[in-house]
Every structure is written in structure tokens, then in C-alpha cells.
Amino acid sequence: MESTRKPSLKIGVFYDGSYFTHVSNYYNYVHPHRRRLHIGGLHEFIKQMVAEREGTLPNLCHIIDAHFFRGRFSAKDANEKTNQLYYDRVFDDVLMYNGVQTHYLPVKDLMGRKREKGIDVLMALETFELCMLKRFDVVALIASDGDHVPLVKKLHALGCNTMLLGWDFEYTDETTGELQTTKTSTDLWNEVSWPLEMADLVEEGLRSNDDVVREMFVLKESTPREPEGERPVVNMSDYNDEERYTGEIMSLHAGYGFIRFPDNNVFFIRDDLEGMEFGELSVGMMVEFNVAFNSKGQRVAKKIARAAEHVI
């Protein structure tokens, strides 16, 4: 009797690293869920999605390759950013333990700004070459740029299906107060075999308490800590609204401003000042404050007063 058992499927996962980090930061600092994306959980989600679309079981879907592409600061530049070398190493450990291979190119100084250069090309070449070598059944892309469209067409020519994990969302930048928009290329959406609009899928999964979606995020207690003797990493969901913090005013605008504070600064308005007027503030002034969340789930400073050492 001929077996009707479906064969296992080979999946390759390829990350645009800067894009993945941007999305993960959004969920950690802006979205009400306050958690970073979890690589292992994301891989399980991909297997589940492939299984549904191929009409098979998740345990027959195997991620045999995963690759992460990103620009990387030199050791000298990273050393000038507080704890940057440590955090880079922590994330490298996360990728290593989840079987993700890293591909870095040096971040270059272009027109006075640090920019990635050549990452999309490197990602396209490596993905196509590996697909030719290993004959993936499905390539999953965590990306948003329309520059990946030619890659997708080449993968289809090899007989490989493509899955796109893309996010569209908006939020107000706490540093500038400006509306920031993240959108995936329409051409890329239209070209892939299976486009996944992740922002909608995540919202739906969190509302319905879907285990596969919830496991796409790290647990609060798994937040990495700094080396012994150093101040622990600040996790926004750990803030105590009765605890006082100290920070430096980094910018002032018409009735509002921003205080320098890890990891994404904190917004305040003139109504939350205590014992001083808005006109008395200056950039560089040290202040004390509490941290809370506004109706949009954004972090804000409350009960702002002069830092003790600056009280005359």
C-alpha cells in the first residue's frame, strides 16, 4: 500500500537585521505588550504558518538554516556608546543559541552619518546561493525593502515558495515628538507567495491569547542583565510609579520636552512640573521625576522637580 504521508519541508529563514531590531524595539518600548521579539518563538511561528499553508504538520516543517544580516559598528565606535559592546555580545549569544548565523558588514561614515552599506546585496546573494545549494522548499524573509523583489523572483524560479513577515505600524517618536511610520514595500507584498501582515496577526493573537503568538515574545524575567556590579538593564514594564529617577533635560519645545533616560528617553509636559516654571528649564539641567504611562501606553515623566544637588 502506497504511503500518503507528506514529506518533510525544508525552510530557510533570512533576517534583515536592522529591520528586525527596529520591530523588536517597537514592541519593547512603544507597544503595550512591552516585550522584545523572541527568535526561537518566531521560528516556531514560521513553522506553524508554513504548515498551515502547505497542509501539513508543524513537526514536518524544519528550519534547516537561519541567517541574520546587519551592519556593525567598529569596536572603537561601539566602545564610545554605553555598554554597546556588551549588548552586541548578548544578542550574538541569543542568535547563536537559536542556530542563527550572523553576517556583518562594517557601518560606514557617509556624509557625516553612520550608515549600513551593501547589506541588502549581501543578503540577496547569500540567500540565493544557499537556496540553490540546499533546495529550500520555503524561504521566510523578515524584511520590508522593495530591493528584495528581484531575490524573490529568483527564488520562485528555483521552485521555492517565499513567505514574508512584514510589519506596518505608526508611533510617536519620544525623542522628537514626530509621527514615525513603518511600512513594507507594496511590490514586495505582491511578489511573495505568502505575505504575512504581522502587526495584524500579532494583535489578533494577543487578544485571543494564542500560545504561538505569545511565545514570539521574551518573558520579562528573561531580560538580560549587565555584568556584576553594574546597574541592571531597565525594563519598561518594571517601572515603579512611586520610584524617583534622575535625568538630564535633552530638549525643550513649546510646552513640552524630553529627558535623557535609558533606553529611549522620556517625554514630559509643562503641567507635570513641580516647584518651578517651564521658563526656568534649560537643556542640560538635571531633574528628578517619576515614570508612568499615558493613555496610549507611552512612557512619560511625572512630578518633575529640580534634582537635589541643583536646588539652591
Protein backbone atom coordinates (compact mmCIF):
# COMPACT_ATOMS: atom_id res chain seq x y z
CA MET A 1 0.00 0.00 0.00
CA GLU A 2 1.46 3.34 -1.02
CA SER A 3 2.13 5.76 1.87
CA THR A 4 0.19 9.03 1.88
CA ARG A 5 2.48 10.63 4.44
CA LYS A 6 3.59 14.09 3.33
CA PRO A 7 7.37 14.61 3.08
CA SER A 8 9.09 16.98 5.46
CA LEU A 9 9.69 20.55 4.30
CA LYS A 10 12.99 22.42 4.42
CA ILE A 11 12.78 26.08 5.49
CA GLY A 12 15.41 28.80 5.34
CA VAL A 13 14.93 31.96 7.43
CA PHE A 14 16.70 35.20 6.48
CA TYR A 15 16.68 38.35 8.60
CA ASP A 16 17.24 41.95 7.60
CA GLY A 17 18.84 42.59 10.99
CA SER A 18 18.24 46.32 11.26
CA TYR A 19 14.59 45.85 10.36
CA PHE A 20 14.13 43.05 12.89
CA THR A 21 15.76 45.18 15.61
CA HIS A 22 13.53 48.14 14.73
CA VAL A 23 10.39 46.00 15.03
CA SER A 24 11.58 44.35 18.25
CA ASN A 25 12.27 47.78 19.79
CA TYR A 26 8.78 48.89 18.80
CA TYR A 27 7.21 46.03 20.74
CA ASN A 28 9.55 46.56 23.70
CA TYR A 29 9.29 50.35 24.06
CA VAL A 30 6.13 51.52 22.27
CA HIS A 31 3.59 48.71 22.01
CA PRO A 32 1.55 47.99 25.19
CA HIS A 33 2.84 44.38 25.28
CA ARG A 34 6.29 45.66 26.39
CA ARG A 35 8.27 42.64 25.24
CA ARG A 36 11.02 42.05 22.72
CA LEU A 37 10.61 39.56 19.90
CA HIS A 38 11.98 36.11 20.72
CA ILE A 39 13.98 34.42 17.95
CA GLY A 40 13.06 30.87 18.99
CA GLY A 41 9.38 31.75 19.31
CA LEU A 42 9.42 33.46 15.93
CA HIS A 43 10.85 30.31 14.34
CA GLU A 44 8.06 28.21 15.85
CA PHE A 45 5.54 30.70 14.47
CA ILE A 46 7.10 30.41 10.99
CA LYS A 47 6.87 26.60 11.12
CA GLN A 48 3.21 26.87 12.13
CA MET A 49 2.44 29.26 9.25
CA VAL A 50 4.26 27.11 6.70
CA ALA A 51 2.41 24.01 7.93
CA GLU A 52 -0.98 25.71 7.53
CA ARG A 53 -0.22 26.84 4.00
CA GLU A 54 1.32 23.55 2.90
CA GLY A 55 -1.44 21.45 4.50
CA THR A 56 0.94 19.50 6.71
CA LEU A 57 2.01 19.27 10.36
CA PRO A 58 4.39 21.73 12.07
CA ASN A 59 6.67 18.86 13.13
CA LEU A 60 7.22 18.09 9.44
CA CYS A 61 8.47 21.65 8.83
CA HIS A 62 12.15 22.01 9.63
CA ILE A 63 14.19 25.22 9.72
CA ILE A 64 17.48 23.91 8.43
CA ASP A 65 19.15 27.32 8.01
CA ALA A 66 18.73 30.77 9.57
CA HIS A 67 20.86 33.84 8.78
CA PHE A 68 21.00 37.37 10.21
CA PHE A 69 22.40 40.30 8.17
CA ARG A 70 23.31 43.66 9.63
CA GLY A 71 25.81 46.50 9.61
CA ARG A 72 28.11 46.55 12.63
CA PHE A 73 29.95 49.35 14.40
CA SER A 74 33.70 49.08 14.79
CA ALA A 75 34.96 48.15 18.27
CA LYS A 76 36.14 51.75 18.72
CA ASP A 77 32.75 53.27 17.80
CA ALA A 78 30.81 50.72 19.86
CA ASN A 79 33.05 51.35 22.87
CA GLU A 80 32.02 55.02 22.81
CA LYS A 81 28.37 54.00 23.33
CA THR A 82 27.46 53.00 26.87
CA ASN A 83 27.51 49.18 27.19
CA GLN A 84 27.14 48.75 23.41
CA LEU A 85 29.83 46.07 23.20
CA TYR A 86 28.14 44.12 25.98
CA TYR A 87 24.70 44.30 24.37
CA ASP A 88 26.14 43.29 20.99
CA ARG A 89 27.66 40.21 22.63
CA VAL A 90 24.40 39.36 24.44
CA PHE A 91 22.46 39.46 21.18
CA ASP A 92 25.14 37.41 19.42
CA ASP A 93 24.63 34.81 22.16
CA VAL A 94 20.87 34.84 21.53
CA LEU A 95 21.40 34.26 17.81
CA MET A 96 23.99 31.55 18.45
CA TYR A 97 21.77 29.60 20.86
CA ASN A 98 18.93 29.71 18.32
CA GLY A 99 21.13 28.43 15.48
CA VAL A 100 21.19 31.72 13.56
CA GLN A 101 24.36 32.50 11.60
CA THR A 102 25.47 36.15 11.54
CA HIS A 103 26.69 38.16 8.56
CA TYR A 104 28.07 41.62 9.35
CA LEU A 105 29.40 44.43 7.20
CA PRO A 106 31.11 47.50 8.69
CA VAL A 107 28.93 50.55 9.29
CA LYS A 108 30.44 53.40 7.28
CA ASP A 109 30.57 57.15 7.80
CA LEU A 110 28.70 58.70 4.87
CA MET A 111 28.00 62.44 4.75
CA GLY A 112 28.67 62.68 8.48
CA ARG A 113 26.24 59.87 9.38
CA LYS A 114 26.83 56.22 10.19
CA ARG A 115 25.09 54.08 7.58
CA GLU A 116 24.83 50.46 6.52
CA LYS A 117 26.09 49.79 3.03
CA GLY A 118 25.66 46.67 0.92
CA ILE A 119 23.60 44.64 3.41
CA ASP A 120 20.66 44.06 1.02
CA VAL A 121 23.02 42.87 -1.71
CA LEU A 122 24.86 40.51 0.65
CA MET A 123 21.56 39.12 1.93
CA ALA A 124 20.25 38.53 -1.60
CA LEU A 125 23.43 36.79 -2.79
CA GLU A 126 23.70 34.53 0.26
CA THR A 127 20.01 33.63 0.22
CA PHE A 128 20.00 32.74 -3.48
CA GLU A 129 23.25 30.75 -3.25
CA LEU A 130 22.06 28.79 -0.21
CA CYS A 131 18.71 28.07 -1.85
CA MET A 132 20.48 26.67 -4.91
CA LEU A 133 22.73 24.54 -2.68
CA LYS A 134 20.19 23.29 -0.13
CA ARG A 135 17.00 23.44 -2.20
CA PHE A 136 14.75 25.00 0.41
CA ASP A 137 11.06 24.34 -0.02
CA VAL A 138 10.27 27.68 1.63
CA VAL A 139 12.33 30.81 2.30
CA ALA A 140 10.98 33.06 5.05
CA LEU A 141 12.10 36.70 4.87
CA ILE A 142 11.96 39.14 7.77
CA ALA A 143 12.31 42.26 5.66
CA SER A 144 10.43 45.26 4.25
CA ASP A 145 12.53 46.76 1.45
CA GLY A 146 11.44 46.60 -2.18
CA ASP A 147 15.08 45.89 -3.07
CA HIS A 148 14.35 42.26 -2.15
CA VAL A 149 11.86 41.83 -5.03
CA PRO A 150 14.49 40.55 -7.54
CA LEU A 151 15.63 37.99 -4.95
CA VAL A 152 12.06 36.73 -4.50
CA LYS A 153 11.66 36.34 -8.28
CA LYS A 154 14.89 34.33 -8.47
CA LEU A 155 13.78 32.09 -5.61
CA HIS A 156 10.49 31.39 -7.35
CA ALA A 157 12.43 30.44 -10.49
CA LEU A 158 14.18 27.78 -8.39
CA GLY A 159 10.79 26.37 -7.40
CA CYS A 160 10.98 27.76 -3.86
CA ASN A 161 7.95 29.30 -2.13
CA THR A 162 8.51 32.53 -0.24
CA MET A 163 6.99 33.81 2.99
CA LEU A 164 7.29 37.45 4.06
CA LEU A 165 6.99 38.57 7.67
CA GLY A 166 6.36 42.30 7.36
CA TRP A 167 5.08 44.91 9.80
CA ASP A 168 3.14 48.12 9.14
CA PHE A 169 2.72 50.41 12.16
CA GLU A 170 2.86 54.02 13.34
CA TYR A 171 4.01 55.60 16.60
CA THR A 172 5.12 58.92 18.02
CA ASP A 173 8.89 59.17 18.50
CA GLU A 174 9.58 60.09 22.14
CA THR A 175 12.76 61.96 21.21
CA THR A 176 11.33 64.25 18.53
CA GLY A 177 7.58 64.08 19.11
CA GLU A 178 7.16 63.24 15.42
CA LEU A 179 4.93 60.54 13.93
CA GLN A 180 7.06 57.63 12.72
CA THR A 181 5.68 55.24 10.10
CA THR A 182 6.99 51.79 9.22
CA LYS A 183 5.63 50.25 6.02
CA THR A 184 6.54 47.24 3.95
CA SER A 185 7.07 47.69 0.21
CA THR A 186 3.85 47.06 -1.73
CA ASP A 187 5.88 45.45 -4.53
CA LEU A 188 7.40 43.03 -2.04
CA TRP A 189 3.97 42.20 -0.55
CA ASN A 190 2.65 41.43 -4.01
CA GLU A 191 5.62 39.34 -5.14
CA VAL A 192 5.96 36.76 -2.33
CA SER A 193 3.99 33.52 -2.20
CA TRP A 194 2.65 34.08 1.31
CA PRO A 195 2.64 37.63 2.71
CA LEU A 196 2.04 37.79 6.48
CA GLU A 197 0.86 41.15 7.79
CA MET A 198 2.47 40.63 11.17
CA ALA A 199 1.14 43.68 13.01
CA ASP A 200 -2.43 42.44 12.47
CA LEU A 201 -1.58 38.81 13.21
CA VAL A 202 0.17 39.76 16.46
CA GLU A 203 -2.72 41.96 17.62
CA GLU A 204 -5.24 39.24 16.88
CA GLY A 205 -3.09 36.59 18.58
CA LEU A 206 -2.54 38.65 21.73
CA ARG A 207 -6.27 39.41 22.01
CA SER A 208 -7.19 35.74 21.66
CA ASN A 209 -4.33 34.63 23.94
CA ASP A 210 -2.88 32.44 21.16
CA ASP A 211 0.07 30.48 22.58
CA VAL A 212 2.07 30.54 19.32
CA VAL A 213 1.86 34.34 19.12
CA ARG A 214 2.56 34.90 22.84
CA GLU A 215 5.67 32.73 22.64
CA MET A 216 7.03 35.06 19.93
CA PHE A 217 8.00 37.43 22.77
CA VAL A 218 10.60 37.10 25.52
CA LEU A 219 9.42 36.74 29.10
CA LYS A 220 10.02 39.69 31.40
CA GLU A 221 12.25 37.66 33.71
CA SER A 222 14.46 36.67 30.77
CA THR A 223 15.62 40.27 30.20
CA PRO A 224 19.46 40.15 30.17
CA ARG A 225 21.36 41.79 32.99
CA GLU A 226 24.61 43.69 32.90
CA PRO A 227 27.82 42.27 34.41
CA GLU A 228 28.10 42.01 38.19
CA GLY A 229 28.40 45.40 39.85
CA GLU A 230 26.72 47.30 37.01
CA ARG A 231 23.23 48.84 37.02
CA PRO A 232 20.64 46.33 35.65
CA VAL A 233 19.06 46.86 32.28
CA VAL A 234 15.92 48.99 32.63
CA ASN A 235 12.82 47.12 31.51
CA MET A 236 9.91 49.49 30.93
CA SER A 237 7.39 47.07 32.41
CA ASP A 238 9.41 47.02 35.66
CA TYR A 239 8.98 50.73 36.43
CA ASN A 240 7.54 51.54 39.83
CA ASP A 241 5.40 54.67 39.58
CA GLU A 242 6.45 55.62 43.12
CA GLU A 243 10.19 55.41 42.44
CA ARG A 244 12.16 58.59 41.70
CA TYR A 245 14.65 58.79 38.84
CA THR A 246 17.22 61.40 37.82
CA GLY A 247 17.92 62.52 34.27
CA GLU A 248 19.19 65.38 32.13
CA ILE A 249 16.87 67.53 30.03
CA MET A 250 17.93 66.87 26.44
CA SER A 251 15.49 69.09 24.50
CA LEU A 252 12.80 71.71 25.09
CA HIS A 253 9.93 72.70 22.81
CA ALA A 254 6.71 74.73 23.11
CA GLY A 255 5.40 73.49 26.45
CA TYR A 256 6.98 70.04 26.37
CA GLY A 257 10.39 68.38 26.31
CA PHE A 258 12.41 65.18 26.63
CA ILE A 259 14.60 63.88 29.44
CA ARG A 260 17.60 61.67 28.70
CA PHE A 261 16.84 58.28 30.17
CA PRO A 262 17.53 54.67 29.12
CA ASP A 263 16.71 53.29 26.74
CA ASN A 264 14.52 55.63 24.67
CA ASN A 265 14.29 58.94 26.62
CA VAL A 266 11.12 60.12 28.32
CA PHE A 267 8.55 62.75 27.30
CA PHE A 268 7.10 65.42 29.65
CA ILE A 269 4.74 68.41 29.52
CA ARG A 270 4.79 71.67 31.48
CA ASP A 271 1.76 70.64 33.59
CA ASP A 272 3.86 67.97 35.31
CA LEU A 273 6.47 70.37 36.73
CA GLU A 274 6.58 70.86 40.49
CA GLY A 275 8.15 73.84 42.25
CA MET A 276 9.35 75.55 39.06
CA GLU A 277 8.07 77.12 35.85
CA PHE A 278 8.68 75.83 32.32
CA GLY A 279 10.64 79.02 31.52
CA GLU A 280 13.17 78.13 34.23
CA LEU A 281 14.20 74.93 32.46
CA SER A 282 17.30 74.65 30.30
CA VAL A 283 18.90 71.91 28.22
CA GLY A 284 21.38 70.02 30.39
CA MET A 285 19.54 70.67 33.66
CA MET A 286 19.27 67.65 35.95
CA VAL A 287 15.78 66.85 37.21
CA GLU A 288 14.07 64.24 39.36
CA PHE A 289 10.84 62.58 38.24
CA ASN A 290 8.54 59.57 38.38
CA VAL A 291 7.80 57.40 35.33
CA ALA A 292 4.28 56.50 34.22
CA PHE A 293 2.40 55.57 31.04
CA ASN A 294 -0.12 57.76 29.26
CA SER A 295 -3.40 56.64 27.68
CA LYS A 296 -1.53 55.49 24.55
CA GLY A 297 0.80 53.30 26.58
CA GLN A 298 3.75 55.65 26.04
CA ARG A 299 6.29 56.32 28.79
CA VAL A 300 6.12 59.83 30.30
CA ALA A 301 7.74 61.73 33.19
CA LYS A 302 5.58 62.95 36.10
CA LYS A 303 6.15 65.08 39.24
CA ILE A 304 9.27 66.70 37.74
CA ALA A 305 11.43 68.76 40.13
CA ARG A 306 14.98 70.05 40.26
CA ALA A 307 17.50 67.34 41.14
CA ALA A 308 18.53 67.66 44.79
CA GLU A 309 22.10 68.72 44.00
CA HIS A 310 20.75 71.54 41.79
CA VAL A 311 18.39 73.04 44.39
CA ILE A 312 19.74 76.43 45.52
